[in-house]
Amino acid sequence: MDNNRQDEKKYLAKKIEELAVAMEKMKLAEYVELLNRPGRMFYINFFAGVARGLGMAVGFTILGALVVYTLQRLQVLNLPVIGEFIADIVKIVQNNLRIQ
């Protein structure tokens, strides 16, 4: 009986140690500290949002520039389908500019 109880204690101690390691890996203490300081959490989330938005803006700008560059190169080749497509886009843009 006594040996069985010691085995249970060792098993429980091992499980508690594993749980402590898992909680340390989750950085639960840092998260609770962050929740207790809402001002710091606001600044972290604000700057993360600014960085995310700036990244999207730069990414879309580069992507748009690549599309325009590719369309310009295709226009130089004077392909009939692409040329008509670009001409239609130019007409739509000019009509919208006249309306405004």
N, C-alpha and C. Protein backbone atom coordinates (compact mmCIF):
# COMPACT_ATOMS: atom_id res chain seq x y z
N MET A 1 0.81 -1.20 0.00
CA MET A 1 0.00 0.00 0.00
C MET A 1 0.86 1.27 0.00
N ASP A 2 1.87 1.26 0.87
CA ASP A 2 2.71 2.44 0.99
C ASP A 2 3.51 2.68 -0.30
N ASN A 3 3.95 1.60 -0.92
CA ASN A 3 4.69 1.69 -2.17
C ASN A 3 3.80 2.24 -3.29
N ASN A 4 2.55 1.82 -3.30
CA ASN A 4 1.57 2.27 -4.29
C ASN A 4 1.31 3.77 -4.13
N ARG A 5 1.24 4.22 -2.88
CA ARG A 5 1.00 5.64 -2.60
C ARG A 5 2.19 6.48 -3.05
N GLN A 6 3.39 5.97 -2.88
CA GLN A 6 4.59 6.70 -3.32
C GLN A 6 4.63 6.80 -4.84
N ASP A 7 4.22 5.72 -5.51
CA ASP A 7 4.15 5.75 -6.97
C ASP A 7 3.16 6.80 -7.45
N GLU A 8 2.02 6.88 -6.76
CA GLU A 8 1.01 7.89 -7.12
C GLU A 8 1.57 9.29 -6.92
N LYS A 9 2.29 9.50 -5.82
CA LYS A 9 2.88 10.81 -5.55
C LYS A 9 3.90 11.18 -6.62
N LYS A 10 4.73 10.21 -7.02
CA LYS A 10 5.71 10.47 -8.07
C LYS A 10 5.02 10.79 -9.39
N TYR A 11 3.96 10.03 -9.67
CA TYR A 11 3.22 10.26 -10.90
C TYR A 11 2.59 11.65 -10.90
N LEU A 12 1.97 12.02 -9.77
CA LEU A 12 1.34 13.34 -9.67
C LEU A 12 2.39 14.45 -9.73
N ALA A 13 3.53 14.24 -9.09
CA ALA A 13 4.60 15.24 -9.14
C ALA A 13 5.09 15.42 -10.58
N LYS A 14 5.21 14.31 -11.31
CA LYS A 14 5.63 14.37 -12.70
C LYS A 14 4.61 15.13 -13.53
N LYS A 15 3.32 14.85 -13.33
CA LYS A 15 2.26 15.53 -14.08
C LYS A 15 2.24 17.02 -13.75
N ILE A 16 2.43 17.36 -12.48
CA ILE A 16 2.46 18.77 -12.08
C ILE A 16 3.64 19.48 -12.75
N GLU A 17 4.77 18.81 -12.81
CA GLU A 17 5.94 19.38 -13.47
C GLU A 17 5.68 19.60 -14.97
N GLU A 18 5.05 18.61 -15.61
CA GLU A 18 4.70 18.75 -17.03
C GLU A 18 3.74 19.91 -17.25
N LEU A 19 2.76 20.04 -16.34
CA LEU A 19 1.80 21.14 -16.44
C LEU A 19 2.50 22.49 -16.26
N ALA A 20 3.43 22.56 -15.31
CA ALA A 20 4.17 23.81 -15.10
C ALA A 20 4.99 24.18 -16.33
N VAL A 21 5.61 23.18 -16.95
CA VAL A 21 6.40 23.44 -18.16
C VAL A 21 5.49 23.90 -19.29
N ALA A 22 4.32 23.25 -19.42
CA ALA A 22 3.38 23.64 -20.48
C ALA A 22 2.88 25.06 -20.26
N MET A 23 2.59 25.42 -19.00
CA MET A 23 2.13 26.79 -18.72
C MET A 23 3.23 27.80 -18.99
N GLU A 24 4.47 27.42 -18.71
CA GLU A 24 5.59 28.32 -18.98
C GLU A 24 5.75 28.52 -20.48
N LYS A 25 5.55 27.45 -21.26
CA LYS A 25 5.65 27.57 -22.71
C LYS A 25 4.54 28.46 -23.26
N MET A 26 3.37 28.44 -22.63
CA MET A 26 2.25 29.28 -23.09
C MET A 26 2.45 30.73 -22.70
N LYS A 27 3.42 30.98 -21.82
CA LYS A 27 3.69 32.33 -21.31
C LYS A 27 2.43 32.93 -20.69
N LEU A 28 1.78 32.12 -19.88
CA LEU A 28 0.54 32.53 -19.23
C LEU A 28 0.76 33.72 -18.30
N ALA A 29 1.89 33.71 -17.58
CA ALA A 29 2.16 34.81 -16.64
C ALA A 29 2.29 36.14 -17.38
N GLU A 30 2.98 36.12 -18.52
CA GLU A 30 3.14 37.35 -19.30
C GLU A 30 1.81 37.83 -19.84
N TYR A 31 0.96 36.89 -20.24
CA TYR A 31 -0.36 37.25 -20.75
C TYR A 31 -1.22 37.87 -19.66
N VAL A 32 -1.20 37.30 -18.47
CA VAL A 32 -1.97 37.85 -17.35
C VAL A 32 -1.44 39.23 -17.00
N GLU A 33 -0.12 39.40 -17.02
CA GLU A 33 0.46 40.72 -16.74
C GLU A 33 0.03 41.74 -17.79
N LEU A 34 -0.03 41.31 -19.03
CA LEU A 34 -0.47 42.20 -20.11
C LEU A 34 -1.93 42.60 -19.92
N LEU A 35 -2.77 41.65 -19.49
CA LEU A 35 -4.18 41.97 -19.25
C LEU A 35 -4.36 42.95 -18.10
N ASN A 36 -3.45 42.91 -17.14
CA ASN A 36 -3.53 43.82 -16.00
C ASN A 36 -3.05 45.22 -16.36
N ARG A 37 -2.42 45.38 -17.52
CA ARG A 37 -1.94 46.69 -17.97
C ARG A 37 -2.59 47.00 -19.32
N PRO A 38 -3.83 47.50 -19.31
CA PRO A 38 -4.54 47.72 -20.58
C PRO A 38 -3.90 48.79 -21.45
N GLY A 39 -3.22 49.75 -20.87
CA GLY A 39 -2.55 50.78 -21.67
C GLY A 39 -1.47 50.18 -22.54
N ARG A 40 -0.69 49.29 -21.97
CA ARG A 40 0.37 48.62 -22.74
C ARG A 40 -0.24 47.75 -23.83
N MET A 41 -1.34 47.07 -23.51
CA MET A 41 -1.99 46.22 -24.50
C MET A 41 -2.53 47.08 -25.65
N PHE A 42 -3.05 48.28 -25.33
CA PHE A 42 -3.53 49.18 -26.37
C PHE A 42 -2.40 49.58 -27.31
N TYR A 43 -1.25 49.98 -26.74
CA TYR A 43 -0.13 50.40 -27.57
C TYR A 43 0.39 49.26 -28.44
N ILE A 44 0.49 48.07 -27.87
CA ILE A 44 0.98 46.93 -28.65
C ILE A 44 0.03 46.64 -29.80
N ASN A 45 -1.28 46.60 -29.52
CA ASN A 45 -2.25 46.32 -30.58
C ASN A 45 -2.31 47.45 -31.61
N PHE A 46 -2.16 48.70 -31.15
CA PHE A 46 -2.18 49.84 -32.07
C PHE A 46 -1.02 49.76 -33.06
N PHE A 47 0.18 49.56 -32.54
CA PHE A 47 1.35 49.50 -33.42
C PHE A 47 1.33 48.26 -34.30
N ALA A 48 0.79 47.17 -33.80
CA ALA A 48 0.66 45.97 -34.64
C ALA A 48 -0.31 46.25 -35.79
N GLY A 49 -1.40 46.97 -35.51
CA GLY A 49 -2.36 47.32 -36.56
C GLY A 49 -1.77 48.27 -37.58
N VAL A 50 -1.00 49.24 -37.11
CA VAL A 50 -0.35 50.18 -38.04
C VAL A 50 0.63 49.43 -38.94
N ALA A 51 1.41 48.54 -38.36
CA ALA A 51 2.37 47.77 -39.16
C ALA A 51 1.65 46.88 -40.17
N ARG A 52 0.55 46.27 -39.73
CA ARG A 52 -0.21 45.40 -40.64
C ARG A 52 -0.79 46.22 -41.79
N GLY A 53 -1.36 47.38 -41.47
CA GLY A 53 -1.94 48.24 -42.51
C GLY A 53 -0.89 48.77 -43.46
N LEU A 54 0.24 49.16 -42.93
CA LEU A 54 1.33 49.65 -43.78
C LEU A 54 1.84 48.54 -44.69
N GLY A 55 1.95 47.35 -44.16
CA GLY A 55 2.38 46.22 -44.98
C GLY A 55 1.41 45.93 -46.11
N MET A 56 0.11 46.01 -45.80
CA MET A 56 -0.89 45.79 -46.86
C MET A 56 -0.80 46.87 -47.92
N ALA A 57 -0.65 48.12 -47.49
CA ALA A 57 -0.58 49.22 -48.45
C ALA A 57 0.63 49.07 -49.37
N VAL A 58 1.76 48.77 -48.80
CA VAL A 58 2.98 48.60 -49.61
C VAL A 58 2.82 47.39 -50.53
N GLY A 59 2.27 46.31 -50.01
CA GLY A 59 2.08 45.11 -50.82
C GLY A 59 1.15 45.34 -52.00
N PHE A 60 0.01 46.00 -51.75
CA PHE A 60 -0.92 46.28 -52.84
C PHE A 60 -0.32 47.25 -53.84
N THR A 61 0.47 48.20 -53.37
CA THR A 61 1.12 49.14 -54.29
C THR A 61 2.09 48.41 -55.21
N ILE A 62 2.89 47.54 -54.64
CA ILE A 62 3.84 46.77 -55.46
C ILE A 62 3.10 45.87 -56.43
N LEU A 63 2.05 45.21 -55.95
CA LEU A 63 1.27 44.33 -56.82
C LEU A 63 0.62 45.11 -57.95
N GLY A 64 0.04 46.27 -57.63
CA GLY A 64 -0.57 47.11 -58.67
C GLY A 64 0.45 47.59 -59.68
N ALA A 65 1.63 47.98 -59.20
CA ALA A 65 2.68 48.43 -60.11
C ALA A 65 3.12 47.30 -61.04
N LEU A 66 3.20 46.10 -60.52
CA LEU A 66 3.57 44.96 -61.37
C LEU A 66 2.51 44.68 -62.42
N VAL A 67 1.24 44.81 -62.05
CA VAL A 67 0.16 44.59 -63.01
C VAL A 67 0.21 45.65 -64.11
N VAL A 68 0.38 46.92 -63.72
CA VAL A 68 0.45 48.00 -64.71
C VAL A 68 1.67 47.80 -65.61
N TYR A 69 2.80 47.46 -65.03
CA TYR A 69 4.01 47.22 -65.82
C TYR A 69 3.80 46.09 -66.82
N THR A 70 3.18 45.01 -66.36
CA THR A 70 2.92 43.87 -67.24
C THR A 70 1.97 44.26 -68.37
N LEU A 71 0.92 45.02 -68.04
CA LEU A 71 -0.02 45.45 -69.07
C LEU A 71 0.66 46.37 -70.08
N GLN A 72 1.55 47.24 -69.61
CA GLN A 72 2.28 48.10 -70.54
C GLN A 72 3.16 47.28 -71.47
N ARG A 73 3.81 46.27 -70.95
CA ARG A 73 4.66 45.41 -71.78
C ARG A 73 3.82 44.64 -72.79
N LEU A 74 2.63 44.21 -72.38
CA LEU A 74 1.75 43.50 -73.31
C LEU A 74 1.21 44.42 -74.39
N GLN A 75 1.02 45.70 -74.02
CA GLN A 75 0.52 46.66 -75.00
C GLN A 75 1.57 46.91 -76.08
N VAL A 76 2.83 46.90 -75.70
CA VAL A 76 3.91 47.10 -76.67
C VAL A 76 3.90 45.97 -77.70
N LEU A 77 3.53 44.77 -77.27
CA LEU A 77 3.47 43.64 -78.20
C LEU A 77 2.33 43.78 -79.19
N ASN A 78 1.40 44.69 -78.87
CA ASN A 78 0.27 45.00 -79.73
C ASN A 78 -0.59 43.75 -80.02
N LEU A 79 -0.88 43.01 -78.96
CA LEU A 79 -1.78 41.87 -79.09
C LEU A 79 -3.21 42.39 -79.19
N PRO A 80 -4.00 41.93 -80.14
CA PRO A 80 -5.34 42.48 -80.35
C PRO A 80 -6.26 42.35 -79.13
N VAL A 81 -6.27 41.21 -78.50
CA VAL A 81 -7.18 41.00 -77.36
C VAL A 81 -6.77 41.88 -76.19
N ILE A 82 -5.49 41.90 -75.88
CA ILE A 82 -5.00 42.70 -74.77
C ILE A 82 -5.15 44.18 -75.08
N GLY A 83 -4.87 44.58 -76.32
CA GLY A 83 -5.01 45.98 -76.71
C GLY A 83 -6.44 46.47 -76.57
N GLU A 84 -7.40 45.65 -77.00
CA GLU A 84 -8.81 46.03 -76.85
C GLU A 84 -9.20 46.12 -75.38
N PHE A 85 -8.70 45.18 -74.59
CA PHE A 85 -9.00 45.18 -73.16
C PHE A 85 -8.47 46.44 -72.49
N ILE A 86 -7.25 46.82 -72.80
CA ILE A 86 -6.67 48.03 -72.22
C ILE A 86 -7.41 49.26 -72.73
N ALA A 87 -7.79 49.27 -74.00
CA ALA A 87 -8.55 50.41 -74.54
C ALA A 87 -9.89 50.54 -73.83
N ASP A 88 -10.55 49.43 -73.56
CA ASP A 88 -11.82 49.48 -72.82
C ASP A 88 -11.62 50.03 -71.42
N ILE A 89 -10.56 49.62 -70.76
CA ILE A 89 -10.28 50.14 -69.42
C ILE A 89 -10.04 51.64 -69.46
N VAL A 90 -9.28 52.11 -70.45
CA VAL A 90 -9.00 53.54 -70.59
C VAL A 90 -10.29 54.31 -70.82
N LYS A 91 -11.18 53.79 -71.67
CA LYS A 91 -12.46 54.45 -71.94
C LYS A 91 -13.31 54.54 -70.67
N ILE A 92 -13.35 53.46 -69.91
CA ILE A 92 -14.14 53.46 -68.67
C ILE A 92 -13.60 54.50 -67.70
N VAL A 93 -12.29 54.56 -67.56
CA VAL A 93 -11.68 55.53 -66.64
C VAL A 93 -11.96 56.95 -67.11
N GLN A 94 -11.83 57.21 -68.40
CA GLN A 94 -12.08 58.56 -68.92
C GLN A 94 -13.54 58.95 -68.74
N ASN A 95 -14.46 58.03 -68.97
CA ASN A 95 -15.89 58.33 -68.76
C ASN A 95 -16.17 58.64 -67.30
N ASN A 96 -15.57 57.90 -66.40
CA ASN A 96 -15.77 58.16 -64.97
C ASN A 96 -15.19 59.50 -64.57
N LEU A 97 -14.08 59.89 -65.16
CA LEU A 97 -13.49 61.19 -64.85
C LEU A 97 -14.36 62.33 -65.37
N ARG A 98 -15.00 62.15 -66.51
CA ARG A 98 -15.89 63.18 -67.06
C ARG A 98 -17.13 63.34 -66.20
N ILE A 99 -17.65 62.23 -65.70
CA ILE A 99 -18.87 62.27 -64.88
C ILE A 99 -18.61 63.02 -63.58
N GLN A 100 -17.46 62.85 -63.02
CA GLN A 100 -17.16 63.50 -61.74
C GLN A 100 -16.78 64.92 -62.02
